[in-house]
Amino acid sequence: MGLQDKLNRLKESSKAKMPKEALEIMHRATDDLKNSGILDRTVKVGQKAPDFTLANTENQEVNLYALLAKRPVVLSWYRGKW
């Protein structure tokens, strides 16, 4: 089973466990983002990501291109505060 299949299964499993109201809020927020035009300004599959430096979860600065020089990198973005 490929990664996309696993992600799709996880998504469907999560939907089944969520309260209907929470799911509606998430869908509405997703639609709002799509309608905002933000997707027109994102890096597309296959494009080179711009270099950047950000703090990691331990508040240490990390640089994308420095990490890529050592090994593959997986980026995970969180919108909002946790």
N, C-alpha and C. Protein backbone atom coordinates (compact mmCIF):
# COMPACT_ATOMS: atom_id res chain seq x y z
N MET A 1 0.86 -1.18 0.00
CA MET A 1 0.00 0.00 0.00
C MET A 1 0.90 1.24 0.00
N GLY A 2 0.60 2.16 -0.91
CA GLY A 2 1.39 3.37 -1.03
C GLY A 2 1.04 4.40 0.03
N LEU A 3 1.87 5.43 0.13
CA LEU A 3 1.66 6.49 1.12
C LEU A 3 0.31 7.16 0.95
N GLN A 4 -0.07 7.49 -0.29
CA GLN A 4 -1.34 8.18 -0.51
C GLN A 4 -2.51 7.33 -0.04
N ASP A 5 -2.43 6.03 -0.30
CA ASP A 5 -3.50 5.12 0.18
C ASP A 5 -3.58 5.13 1.70
N LYS A 6 -2.43 5.11 2.35
CA LYS A 6 -2.41 5.15 3.81
C LYS A 6 -2.99 6.46 4.33
N LEU A 7 -2.63 7.57 3.70
CA LEU A 7 -3.16 8.87 4.11
C LEU A 7 -4.67 8.94 3.91
N ASN A 8 -5.14 8.40 2.80
CA ASN A 8 -6.59 8.39 2.54
C ASN A 8 -7.33 7.57 3.59
N ARG A 9 -6.78 6.43 3.95
CA ARG A 9 -7.40 5.59 4.98
C ARG A 9 -7.44 6.31 6.33
N LEU A 10 -6.33 6.95 6.67
CA LEU A 10 -6.26 7.70 7.93
C LEU A 10 -7.27 8.83 7.95
N LYS A 11 -7.40 9.51 6.82
CA LYS A 11 -8.37 10.62 6.71
C LYS A 11 -9.79 10.11 6.92
N GLU A 12 -10.13 9.03 6.27
CA GLU A 12 -11.49 8.47 6.40
C GLU A 12 -11.74 7.97 7.81
N SER A 13 -10.75 7.36 8.42
CA SER A 13 -10.88 6.88 9.79
C SER A 13 -11.09 8.05 10.76
N SER A 14 -10.37 9.13 10.54
CA SER A 14 -10.51 10.31 11.40
C SER A 14 -11.89 10.94 11.25
N LYS A 15 -12.38 11.00 10.02
CA LYS A 15 -13.71 11.57 9.78
C LYS A 15 -14.78 10.83 10.57
N ALA A 16 -14.66 9.51 10.63
CA ALA A 16 -15.66 8.69 11.31
C ALA A 16 -15.67 8.94 12.82
N LYS A 17 -14.56 9.41 13.36
CA LYS A 17 -14.44 9.62 14.80
C LYS A 17 -14.78 11.05 15.22
N MET A 18 -14.84 11.98 14.27
CA MET A 18 -15.05 13.39 14.59
C MET A 18 -16.52 13.73 14.76
N PRO A 19 -16.80 14.66 15.68
CA PRO A 19 -18.17 15.15 15.76
C PRO A 19 -18.54 15.87 14.46
N LYS A 20 -19.78 15.75 14.06
CA LYS A 20 -20.24 16.34 12.80
C LYS A 20 -19.95 17.83 12.74
N GLU A 21 -20.17 18.54 13.85
CA GLU A 21 -19.95 19.99 13.88
C GLU A 21 -18.49 20.34 13.62
N ALA A 22 -17.57 19.58 14.20
CA ALA A 22 -16.14 19.83 14.00
C ALA A 22 -15.76 19.59 12.55
N LEU A 23 -16.30 18.54 11.96
CA LEU A 23 -16.01 18.23 10.56
C LEU A 23 -16.53 19.33 9.65
N GLU A 24 -17.71 19.85 9.93
CA GLU A 24 -18.27 20.95 9.13
C GLU A 24 -17.40 22.20 9.22
N ILE A 25 -16.89 22.49 10.42
CA ILE A 25 -16.02 23.65 10.60
C ILE A 25 -14.74 23.48 9.80
N MET A 26 -14.17 22.28 9.84
CA MET A 26 -12.94 22.02 9.09
C MET A 26 -13.16 22.16 7.59
N HIS A 27 -14.28 21.63 7.10
CA HIS A 27 -14.57 21.73 5.67
C HIS A 27 -14.79 23.19 5.26
N ARG A 28 -15.49 23.93 6.11
CA ARG A 28 -15.73 25.34 5.82
C ARG A 28 -14.42 26.13 5.79
N ALA A 29 -13.53 25.86 6.75
CA ALA A 29 -12.23 26.53 6.80
C ALA A 29 -11.39 26.18 5.57
N THR A 30 -11.43 24.91 5.16
CA THR A 30 -10.71 24.49 3.97
C THR A 30 -11.24 25.19 2.73
N ASP A 31 -12.55 25.25 2.61
CA ASP A 31 -13.16 25.95 1.47
C ASP A 31 -12.80 27.43 1.46
N ASP A 32 -12.79 28.04 2.64
CA ASP A 32 -12.41 29.46 2.74
C ASP A 32 -10.98 29.68 2.25
N LEU A 33 -10.08 28.78 2.65
CA LEU A 33 -8.69 28.91 2.20
C LEU A 33 -8.59 28.73 0.69
N LYS A 34 -9.26 27.72 0.15
CA LYS A 34 -9.23 27.51 -1.29
C LYS A 34 -9.77 28.72 -2.04
N ASN A 35 -10.86 29.29 -1.54
CA ASN A 35 -11.49 30.44 -2.20
C ASN A 35 -10.69 31.72 -2.04
N SER A 36 -9.74 31.75 -1.11
CA SER A 36 -8.94 32.95 -0.88
C SER A 36 -7.89 33.16 -1.97
N GLY A 37 -7.62 32.12 -2.75
CA GLY A 37 -6.60 32.21 -3.79
C GLY A 37 -5.21 31.81 -3.29
N ILE A 38 -5.12 31.35 -2.06
CA ILE A 38 -3.82 30.99 -1.49
C ILE A 38 -3.12 29.88 -2.27
N LEU A 39 -3.90 28.99 -2.87
CA LEU A 39 -3.29 27.88 -3.61
C LEU A 39 -2.53 28.36 -4.85
N ASP A 40 -2.88 29.55 -5.34
CA ASP A 40 -2.17 30.11 -6.50
C ASP A 40 -0.76 30.55 -6.14
N ARG A 41 -0.50 30.70 -4.84
CA ARG A 41 0.80 31.20 -4.38
C ARG A 41 1.64 30.13 -3.68
N THR A 42 1.23 28.87 -3.78
CA THR A 42 1.96 27.81 -3.10
C THR A 42 2.94 27.11 -4.05
N VAL A 43 3.91 26.44 -3.46
CA VAL A 43 4.84 25.62 -4.23
C VAL A 43 4.09 24.38 -4.68
N LYS A 44 4.19 24.08 -5.95
CA LYS A 44 3.49 22.93 -6.53
C LYS A 44 4.37 21.68 -6.51
N VAL A 45 3.75 20.54 -6.64
CA VAL A 45 4.47 19.27 -6.69
C VAL A 45 5.50 19.34 -7.82
N GLY A 46 6.73 19.00 -7.49
CA GLY A 46 7.81 19.00 -8.48
C GLY A 46 8.59 20.29 -8.52
N GLN A 47 8.06 21.37 -7.94
CA GLN A 47 8.79 22.64 -7.92
C GLN A 47 9.79 22.63 -6.77
N LYS A 48 10.85 23.40 -6.93
CA LYS A 48 11.85 23.53 -5.88
C LYS A 48 11.33 24.49 -4.81
N ALA A 49 11.38 24.06 -3.58
CA ALA A 49 10.95 24.91 -2.46
C ALA A 49 11.97 26.02 -2.25
N PRO A 50 11.52 27.20 -1.88
CA PRO A 50 12.48 28.28 -1.58
C PRO A 50 13.22 27.97 -0.28
N ASP A 51 14.44 28.45 -0.17
CA ASP A 51 15.19 28.25 1.06
C ASP A 51 14.59 29.10 2.17
N PHE A 52 14.63 28.58 3.39
CA PHE A 52 14.16 29.34 4.55
C PHE A 52 14.80 28.79 5.81
N THR A 53 14.76 29.61 6.83
CA THR A 53 15.23 29.22 8.16
C THR A 53 14.10 29.49 9.13
N LEU A 54 13.76 28.48 9.93
CA LEU A 54 12.70 28.59 10.93
C LEU A 54 13.13 27.88 12.20
N ALA A 55 12.45 28.19 13.30
CA ALA A 55 12.70 27.48 14.56
C ALA A 55 12.00 26.13 14.52
N ASN A 56 12.66 25.11 15.04
CA ASN A 56 12.04 23.79 15.13
C ASN A 56 11.26 23.68 16.45
N THR A 57 10.81 22.49 16.78
CA THR A 57 10.00 22.30 17.99
C THR A 57 10.79 22.54 19.27
N GLU A 58 12.11 22.57 19.15
CA GLU A 58 12.97 22.84 20.31
C GLU A 58 13.51 24.27 20.28
N ASN A 59 12.90 25.10 19.44
CA ASN A 59 13.24 26.52 19.29
C ASN A 59 14.67 26.73 18.77
N GLN A 60 15.19 25.75 18.02
CA GLN A 60 16.50 25.88 17.38
C GLN A 60 16.27 26.22 15.92
N GLU A 61 17.07 27.16 15.40
CA GLU A 61 16.93 27.52 13.99
C GLU A 61 17.46 26.41 13.09
N VAL A 62 16.66 26.07 12.09
CA VAL A 62 17.07 25.08 11.10
C VAL A 62 16.85 25.67 9.71
N ASN A 63 17.76 25.33 8.80
CA ASN A 63 17.71 25.85 7.44
C ASN A 63 17.41 24.72 6.48
N LEU A 64 16.44 24.93 5.60
CA LEU A 64 16.01 23.88 4.68
C LEU A 64 17.16 23.36 3.83
N TYR A 65 17.87 24.25 3.15
CA TYR A 65 18.90 23.79 2.23
C TYR A 65 20.06 23.12 2.95
N ALA A 66 20.36 23.54 4.19
CA ALA A 66 21.41 22.88 4.97
C ALA A 66 21.00 21.45 5.30
N LEU A 67 19.73 21.27 5.65
CA LEU A 67 19.24 19.92 5.92
C LEU A 67 19.24 19.06 4.67
N LEU A 68 18.81 19.65 3.54
CA LEU A 68 18.76 18.90 2.28
C LEU A 68 20.15 18.46 1.82
N ALA A 69 21.18 19.20 2.20
CA ALA A 69 22.54 18.81 1.84
C ALA A 69 22.97 17.53 2.55
N LYS A 70 22.30 17.22 3.67
CA LYS A 70 22.66 16.04 4.45
C LYS A 70 21.77 14.84 4.17
N ARG A 71 20.47 15.11 3.90
CA ARG A 71 19.51 14.01 3.79
C ARG A 71 18.18 14.53 3.24
N PRO A 72 17.28 13.62 2.85
CA PRO A 72 15.94 14.05 2.44
C PRO A 72 15.21 14.71 3.63
N VAL A 73 14.28 15.58 3.31
CA VAL A 73 13.55 16.34 4.33
C VAL A 73 12.05 16.18 4.10
N VAL A 74 11.30 16.01 5.19
CA VAL A 74 9.85 16.01 5.16
C VAL A 74 9.40 17.26 5.90
N LEU A 75 8.61 18.10 5.22
CA LEU A 75 8.09 19.31 5.85
C LEU A 75 6.66 19.09 6.29
N SER A 76 6.35 19.56 7.48
CA SER A 76 5.00 19.47 8.00
C SER A 76 4.60 20.85 8.50
N TRP A 77 3.50 21.38 7.96
CA TRP A 77 3.06 22.72 8.32
C TRP A 77 1.81 22.64 9.18
N TYR A 78 1.78 23.44 10.21
CA TYR A 78 0.60 23.52 11.07
C TYR A 78 0.08 24.94 11.01
N ARG A 79 -1.19 25.05 10.76
CA ARG A 79 -1.82 26.36 10.67
C ARG A 79 -2.42 26.67 12.04
N GLY A 80 -2.09 27.80 12.58
CA GLY A 80 -2.64 28.19 13.88
C GLY A 80 -1.74 27.76 15.02
N LYS A 81 -2.28 27.82 16.23
CA LYS A 81 -1.52 27.47 17.42
C LYS A 81 -2.09 26.21 18.04
N TRP A 82 -1.24 25.45 18.69
CA TRP A 82 -1.66 24.19 19.31
C TRP A 82 -1.54 24.29 20.80
